[in-house]
PDB file of N, CA and C in Angstrom:
ATOM      1  N   UNK A   1      90.730 -20.856   4.981  1.00  0.00           N
ATOM      2  CA  UNK A   1      91.034 -19.804   4.037  1.00  0.00           C
ATOM      3  C   UNK A   1      91.266 -20.370   2.635  1.00  0.00           C
ATOM      4  N   UNK A   2      91.895 -21.525   2.538  1.00  0.00           N
ATOM      5  CA  UNK A   2      92.147 -22.122   1.230  1.00  0.00           C
ATOM      6  C   UNK A   2      90.829 -22.383   0.509  1.00  0.00           C
ATOM      7  N   UNK A   3      89.817 -22.826   1.249  1.00  0.00           N
ATOM      8  CA  UNK A   3      88.508 -23.066   0.645  1.00  0.00           C
ATOM      9  C   UNK A   3      87.921 -21.811   0.024  1.00  0.00           C
ATOM     10  N   UNK A   4      88.063 -20.680   0.677  1.00  0.00           N
ATOM     11  CA  UNK A   4      87.554 -19.418   0.146  1.00  0.00           C
ATOM     12  C   UNK A   4      88.320 -19.013  -1.110  1.00  0.00           C
ATOM     13  N   UNK A   5      89.609 -19.245  -1.120  1.00  0.00           N
ATOM     14  CA  UNK A   5      90.424 -18.920  -2.292  1.00  0.00           C
ATOM     15  C   UNK A   5      90.006 -19.800  -3.466  1.00  0.00           C
ATOM     16  N   UNK A   6      89.835 -21.083  -3.220  1.00  0.00           N
ATOM     17  CA  UNK A   6      89.395 -21.999  -4.274  1.00  0.00           C
ATOM     18  C   UNK A   6      88.009 -21.610  -4.785  1.00  0.00           C
ATOM     19  N   UNK A   7      87.099 -21.284  -3.902  1.00  0.00           N
ATOM     20  CA  UNK A   7      85.745 -20.893  -4.305  1.00  0.00           C
ATOM     21  C   UNK A   7      85.771 -19.652  -5.187  1.00  0.00           C
ATOM     22  N   UNK A   8      86.580 -18.686  -4.810  1.00  0.00           N
ATOM     23  CA  UNK A   8      86.710 -17.464  -5.600  1.00  0.00           C
ATOM     24  C   UNK A   8      87.339 -17.768  -6.950  1.00  0.00           C
ATOM     25  N   UNK A   9      88.407 -18.550  -6.956  1.00  0.00           N
ATOM     26  CA  UNK A   9      89.075 -18.899  -8.208  1.00  0.00           C
ATOM     27  C   UNK A   9      88.129 -19.649  -9.150  1.00  0.00           C
ATOM     28  N   UNK A  10      87.367 -20.559  -8.616  1.00  0.00           N
ATOM     29  CA  UNK A  10      86.510 -21.410  -9.443  1.00  0.00           C
ATOM     30  C   UNK A  10      85.419 -20.633 -10.172  1.00  0.00           C
ATOM     31  N   UNK A  11      84.995 -19.494  -9.661  1.00  0.00           N
ATOM     32  CA  UNK A  11      83.958 -18.718 -10.349  1.00  0.00           C
ATOM     33  C   UNK A  11      84.534 -17.679 -11.313  1.00  0.00           C
ATOM     34  N   UNK A  12      85.855 -17.526 -11.334  1.00  0.00           N
ATOM     35  CA  UNK A  12      86.464 -16.602 -12.293  1.00  0.00           C
ATOM     36  C   UNK A  12      86.277 -17.126 -13.708  1.00  0.00           C
ATOM     37  N   UNK A  13      86.087 -16.196 -14.639  1.00  0.00           N
ATOM     38  CA  UNK A  13      86.077 -16.530 -16.056  1.00  0.00           C
ATOM     39  C   UNK A  13      87.523 -16.507 -16.545  1.00  0.00           C
ATOM     40  N   UNK A  14      87.842 -17.261 -17.590  1.00  0.00           N
ATOM     41  CA  UNK A  14      89.195 -17.187 -18.140  1.00  0.00           C
ATOM     42  C   UNK A  14      89.586 -15.747 -18.449  1.00  0.00           C
ATOM     43  N   UNK A  15      90.774 -15.372 -18.039  1.00  0.00           N
ATOM     44  CA  UNK A  15      91.271 -14.008 -18.207  1.00  0.00           C
ATOM     45  C   UNK A  15      91.066 -13.140 -16.981  1.00  0.00           C
ATOM     46  N   UNK A  16      90.139 -13.496 -16.115  1.00  0.00           N
ATOM     47  CA  UNK A  16      89.939 -12.742 -14.875  1.00  0.00           C
ATOM     48  C   UNK A  16      90.986 -13.165 -13.853  1.00  0.00           C
ATOM     49  N   UNK A  17      91.218 -12.273 -12.900  1.00  0.00           N
ATOM     50  CA  UNK A  17      92.189 -12.587 -11.865  1.00  0.00           C
ATOM     51  C   UNK A  17      91.708 -12.109 -10.510  1.00  0.00           C
ATOM     52  N   UNK A  18      92.330 -12.668  -9.507  1.00  0.00           N
ATOM     53  CA  UNK A  18      92.076 -12.256  -8.135  1.00  0.00           C
ATOM     54  C   UNK A  18      93.406 -11.840  -7.530  1.00  0.00           C
ATOM     55  N   UNK A  19      93.341 -11.031  -6.491  1.00  0.00           N
ATOM     56  CA  UNK A  19      94.556 -10.591  -5.802  1.00  0.00           C
ATOM     57  C   UNK A  19      94.505 -11.076  -4.365  1.00  0.00           C
ATOM     58  N   UNK A  20      95.594 -11.654  -3.940  1.00  0.00           N
ATOM     59  CA  UNK A  20      95.729 -12.140  -2.575  1.00  0.00           C
ATOM     60  C   UNK A  20      96.744 -11.264  -1.858  1.00  0.00           C
ATOM     61  N   UNK A  21      96.393 -10.796  -0.672  1.00  0.00           N
ATOM     62  CA  UNK A  21      97.298 -10.000   0.157  1.00  0.00           C
ATOM     63  C   UNK A  21      97.548 -10.792   1.427  1.00  0.00           C
ATOM     64  N   UNK A  22      98.820 -10.986   1.751  1.00  0.00           N
ATOM     65  CA  UNK A  22      99.180 -11.845   2.874  1.00  0.00           C
ATOM     66  C   UNK A  22     100.374 -11.259   3.625  1.00  0.00           C
ATOM     67  N   UNK A  23     100.596 -11.736   4.834  1.00  0.00           N
ATOM     68  CA  UNK A  23     101.731 -11.256   5.630  1.00  0.00           C
ATOM     69  C   UNK A  23     102.967 -12.139   5.486  1.00  0.00           C
ATOM     70  N   UNK A  24     102.893 -13.165   4.635  1.00  0.00           N
ATOM     71  CA  UNK A  24     104.040 -14.025   4.339  1.00  0.00           C
ATOM     72  C   UNK A  24     103.868 -14.596   2.939  1.00  0.00           C
ATOM     73  N   UNK A  25     104.925 -15.150   2.398  1.00  0.00           N
ATOM     74  CA  UNK A  25     104.877 -15.732   1.064  1.00  0.00           C
ATOM     75  C   UNK A  25     103.973 -16.967   1.082  1.00  0.00           C
ATOM     76  N   UNK A  26     102.873 -16.957   0.332  1.00  0.00           N
ATOM     77  CA  UNK A  26     101.953 -18.093   0.348  1.00  0.00           C
ATOM     78  C   UNK A  26     102.380 -19.210  -0.607  1.00  0.00           C
ATOM     79  N   UNK A  27     103.633 -19.569  -0.577  1.00  0.00           N
ATOM     80  CA  UNK A  27     104.154 -20.590  -1.481  1.00  0.00           C
ATOM     81  C   UNK A  27     103.430 -21.926  -1.278  1.00  0.00           C
ATOM     82  N   UNK A  28     102.967 -22.211  -0.063  1.00  0.00           N
ATOM     83  CA  UNK A  28     102.207 -23.448   0.181  1.00  0.00           C
ATOM     84  C   UNK A  28     100.925 -23.472  -0.644  1.00  0.00           C
ATOM     85  N   UNK A  29     100.294 -22.302  -0.827  1.00  0.00           N
ATOM     86  CA  UNK A  29      99.099 -22.207  -1.651  1.00  0.00           C
ATOM     87  C   UNK A  29      99.452 -22.454  -3.114  1.00  0.00           C
ATOM     88  N   UNK A  30     100.560 -21.910  -3.565  1.00  0.00           N
ATOM     89  CA  UNK A  30     101.008 -22.135  -4.943  1.00  0.00           C
ATOM     90  C   UNK A  30     101.198 -23.629  -5.202  1.00  0.00           C
ATOM     91  N   UNK A  31     101.844 -24.317  -4.285  1.00  0.00           N
ATOM     92  CA  UNK A  31     102.075 -25.757  -4.440  1.00  0.00           C
ATOM     93  C   UNK A  31     100.748 -26.505  -4.485  1.00  0.00           C
ATOM     94  N   UNK A  32      99.820 -26.125  -3.625  1.00  0.00           N
ATOM     95  CA  UNK A  32      98.509 -26.780  -3.601  1.00  0.00           C
ATOM     96  C   UNK A  32      97.752 -26.527  -4.902  1.00  0.00           C
ATOM     97  N   UNK A  33      97.779 -25.283  -5.392  1.00  0.00           N
ATOM     98  CA  UNK A  33      97.123 -24.984  -6.657  1.00  0.00           C
ATOM     99  C   UNK A  33      97.772 -25.757  -7.805  1.00  0.00           C
ATOM    100  N   UNK A  34      99.086 -25.889  -7.785  1.00  0.00           N
ATOM    101  CA  UNK A  34      99.766 -26.658  -8.829  1.00  0.00           C
ATOM    102  C   UNK A  34      99.317 -28.111  -8.804  1.00  0.00           C
ATOM    103  N   UNK A  35      99.026 -28.626  -7.651  1.00  0.00           N
ATOM    104  CA  UNK A  35      98.548 -30.000  -7.530  1.00  0.00           C
ATOM    105  C   UNK A  35      97.101 -30.121  -7.992  1.00  0.00           C
ATOM    106  N   UNK A  36      96.254 -29.187  -7.575  1.00  0.00           N
ATOM    107  CA  UNK A  36      94.814 -29.291  -7.813  1.00  0.00           C
ATOM    108  C   UNK A  36      94.313 -28.597  -9.084  1.00  0.00           C
ATOM    109  N   UNK A  37      95.016 -27.561  -9.537  1.00  0.00           N
ATOM    110  CA  UNK A  37      94.531 -26.758 -10.669  1.00  0.00           C
ATOM    111  C   UNK A  37      95.647 -26.517 -11.697  1.00  0.00           C
ATOM    112  N   UNK A  38      96.544 -27.466 -11.839  1.00  0.00           N
ATOM    113  CA  UNK A  38      97.674 -27.319 -12.756  1.00  0.00           C
ATOM    114  C   UNK A  38      97.202 -26.976 -14.166  1.00  0.00           C
ATOM    115  N   UNK A  39      97.853 -25.987 -14.765  1.00  0.00           N
ATOM    116  CA  UNK A  39      97.505 -25.569 -16.114  1.00  0.00           C
ATOM    117  C   UNK A  39      96.306 -24.652 -16.200  1.00  0.00           C
ATOM    118  N   UNK A  40      95.719 -24.297 -15.072  1.00  0.00           N
ATOM    119  CA  UNK A  40      94.510 -23.482 -15.075  1.00  0.00           C
ATOM    120  C   UNK A  40      94.743 -22.050 -14.593  1.00  0.00           C
ATOM    121  N   UNK A  41      95.974 -21.738 -14.153  1.00  0.00           N
ATOM    122  CA  UNK A  41      96.208 -20.419 -13.575  1.00  0.00           C
ATOM    123  C   UNK A  41      97.620 -19.929 -13.871  1.00  0.00           C
ATOM    124  N   UNK A  42      97.777 -18.616 -13.727  1.00  0.00           N
ATOM    125  CA  UNK A  42      99.093 -17.973 -13.728  1.00  0.00           C
ATOM    126  C   UNK A  42      99.242 -17.263 -12.391  1.00  0.00           C
ATOM    127  N   UNK A  43     100.407 -17.360 -11.810  1.00  0.00           N
ATOM    128  CA  UNK A  43     100.709 -16.807 -10.488  1.00  0.00           C
ATOM    129  C   UNK A  43     101.725 -15.695 -10.665  1.00  0.00           C
ATOM    130  N   UNK A  44     101.461 -14.527 -10.106  1.00  0.00           N
ATOM    131  CA  UNK A  44     102.404 -13.423 -10.216  1.00  0.00           C
ATOM    132  C   UNK A  44     102.526 -12.654  -8.919  1.00  0.00           C
ATOM    133  N   UNK A  45     103.759 -12.256  -8.621  1.00  0.00           N
ATOM    134  CA  UNK A  45     104.020 -11.453  -7.424  1.00  0.00           C
ATOM    135  C   UNK A  45     103.973  -9.978  -7.785  1.00  0.00           C
ATOM    136  N   UNK A  46     103.157  -9.208  -7.065  1.00  0.00           N
ATOM    137  CA  UNK A  46     103.125  -7.763  -7.194  1.00  0.00           C
ATOM    138  C   UNK A  46     104.066  -7.113  -6.186  1.00  0.00           C
ATOM    139  N   UNK A  47     104.171  -7.698  -5.004  1.00  0.00           N
ATOM    140  CA  UNK A  47     105.157  -7.289  -4.000  1.00  0.00           C
ATOM    141  C   UNK A  47     105.536  -8.514  -3.187  1.00  0.00           C
ATOM    142  N   UNK A  48     106.799  -8.543  -2.780  1.00  0.00           N
ATOM    143  CA  UNK A  48     107.342  -9.717  -2.101  1.00  0.00           C
ATOM    144  C   UNK A  48     107.921  -9.370  -0.744  1.00  0.00           C
ATOM    145  N   UNK A  49     107.061  -8.889   0.143  1.00  0.00           N
ATOM    146  CA  UNK A  49     107.441  -8.649   1.521  1.00  0.00           C
ATOM    147  C   UNK A  49     108.382  -7.475   1.692  1.00  0.00           C
ATOM    148  N   UNK A  50     108.945  -7.322   2.858  1.00  0.00           N
ATOM    149  CA  UNK A  50     108.923  -8.304   3.922  1.00  0.00           C
ATOM    150  C   UNK A  50     107.641  -8.295   4.769  1.00  0.00           C
ATOM    151  N   UNK A  51     106.888  -7.200   4.721  1.00  0.00           N
ATOM    152  CA  UNK A  51     105.695  -7.133   5.568  1.00  0.00           C
ATOM    153  C   UNK A  51     104.411  -7.532   4.838  1.00  0.00           C
ATOM    154  N   UNK A  52     104.346  -7.235   3.552  1.00  0.00           N
ATOM    155  CA  UNK A  52     103.140  -7.510   2.774  1.00  0.00           C
ATOM    156  C   UNK A  52     103.523  -8.219   1.487  1.00  0.00           C
ATOM    157  N   UNK A  53     102.818  -9.289   1.207  1.00  0.00           N
ATOM    158  CA  UNK A  53     102.971 -10.048  -0.035  1.00  0.00           C
ATOM    159  C   UNK A  53     101.672  -9.892  -0.806  1.00  0.00           C
ATOM    160  N   UNK A  54     101.776  -9.450  -2.063  1.00  0.00           N
ATOM    161  CA  UNK A  54     100.605  -9.313  -2.939  1.00  0.00           C
ATOM    162  C   UNK A  54     100.816 -10.215  -4.144  1.00  0.00           C
ATOM    163  N   UNK A  55      99.844 -11.065  -4.401  1.00  0.00           N
ATOM    164  CA  UNK A  55      99.939 -12.048  -5.467  1.00  0.00           C
ATOM    165  C   UNK A  55      98.693 -11.955  -6.323  1.00  0.00           C
ATOM    166  N   UNK A  56      98.858 -12.071  -7.638  1.00  0.00           N
ATOM    167  CA  UNK A  56      97.720 -12.202  -8.528  1.00  0.00           C
ATOM    168  C   UNK A  56      97.636 -13.667  -8.973  1.00  0.00           C
ATOM    169  N   UNK A  57      96.424 -14.148  -9.027  1.00  0.00           N
ATOM    170  CA  UNK A  57      96.151 -15.491  -9.533  1.00  0.00           C
ATOM    171  C   UNK A  57      95.159 -15.300 -10.678  1.00  0.00           C
ATOM    172  N   UNK A  58      95.631 -15.528 -11.896  1.00  0.00           N
ATOM    173  CA  UNK A  58      94.828 -15.310 -13.095  1.00  0.00           C
ATOM    174  C   UNK A  58      94.369 -16.648 -13.665  1.00  0.00           C
ATOM    175  N   UNK A  59      93.100 -16.750 -13.951  1.00  0.00           N
ATOM    176  CA  UNK A  59      92.552 -17.982 -14.536  1.00  0.00           C
ATOM    177  C   UNK A  59      92.825 -17.971 -16.043  1.00  0.00           C
ATOM    178  N   UNK A  60      93.352 -19.083 -16.542  1.00  0.00           N
ATOM    179  CA  UNK A  60      93.635 -19.181 -17.988  1.00  0.00           C
ATOM    180  C   UNK A  60      92.768 -20.248 -18.636  1.00  0.00           C
TER     181      UNK A  60
END
């Protein structure tokens, strides 16, 4: 799944964003993106559980 997220992120133009919907807080993905794509994205929570987590990842 991480590969699909990276592939989607990599084709975004600056200013575009993607939305991730998950059943738990994907903080592990945030840490991985900070390691691999630091300074290239903004991370925002649209909803924070308990059943559904919605996150926007915006390319900067």
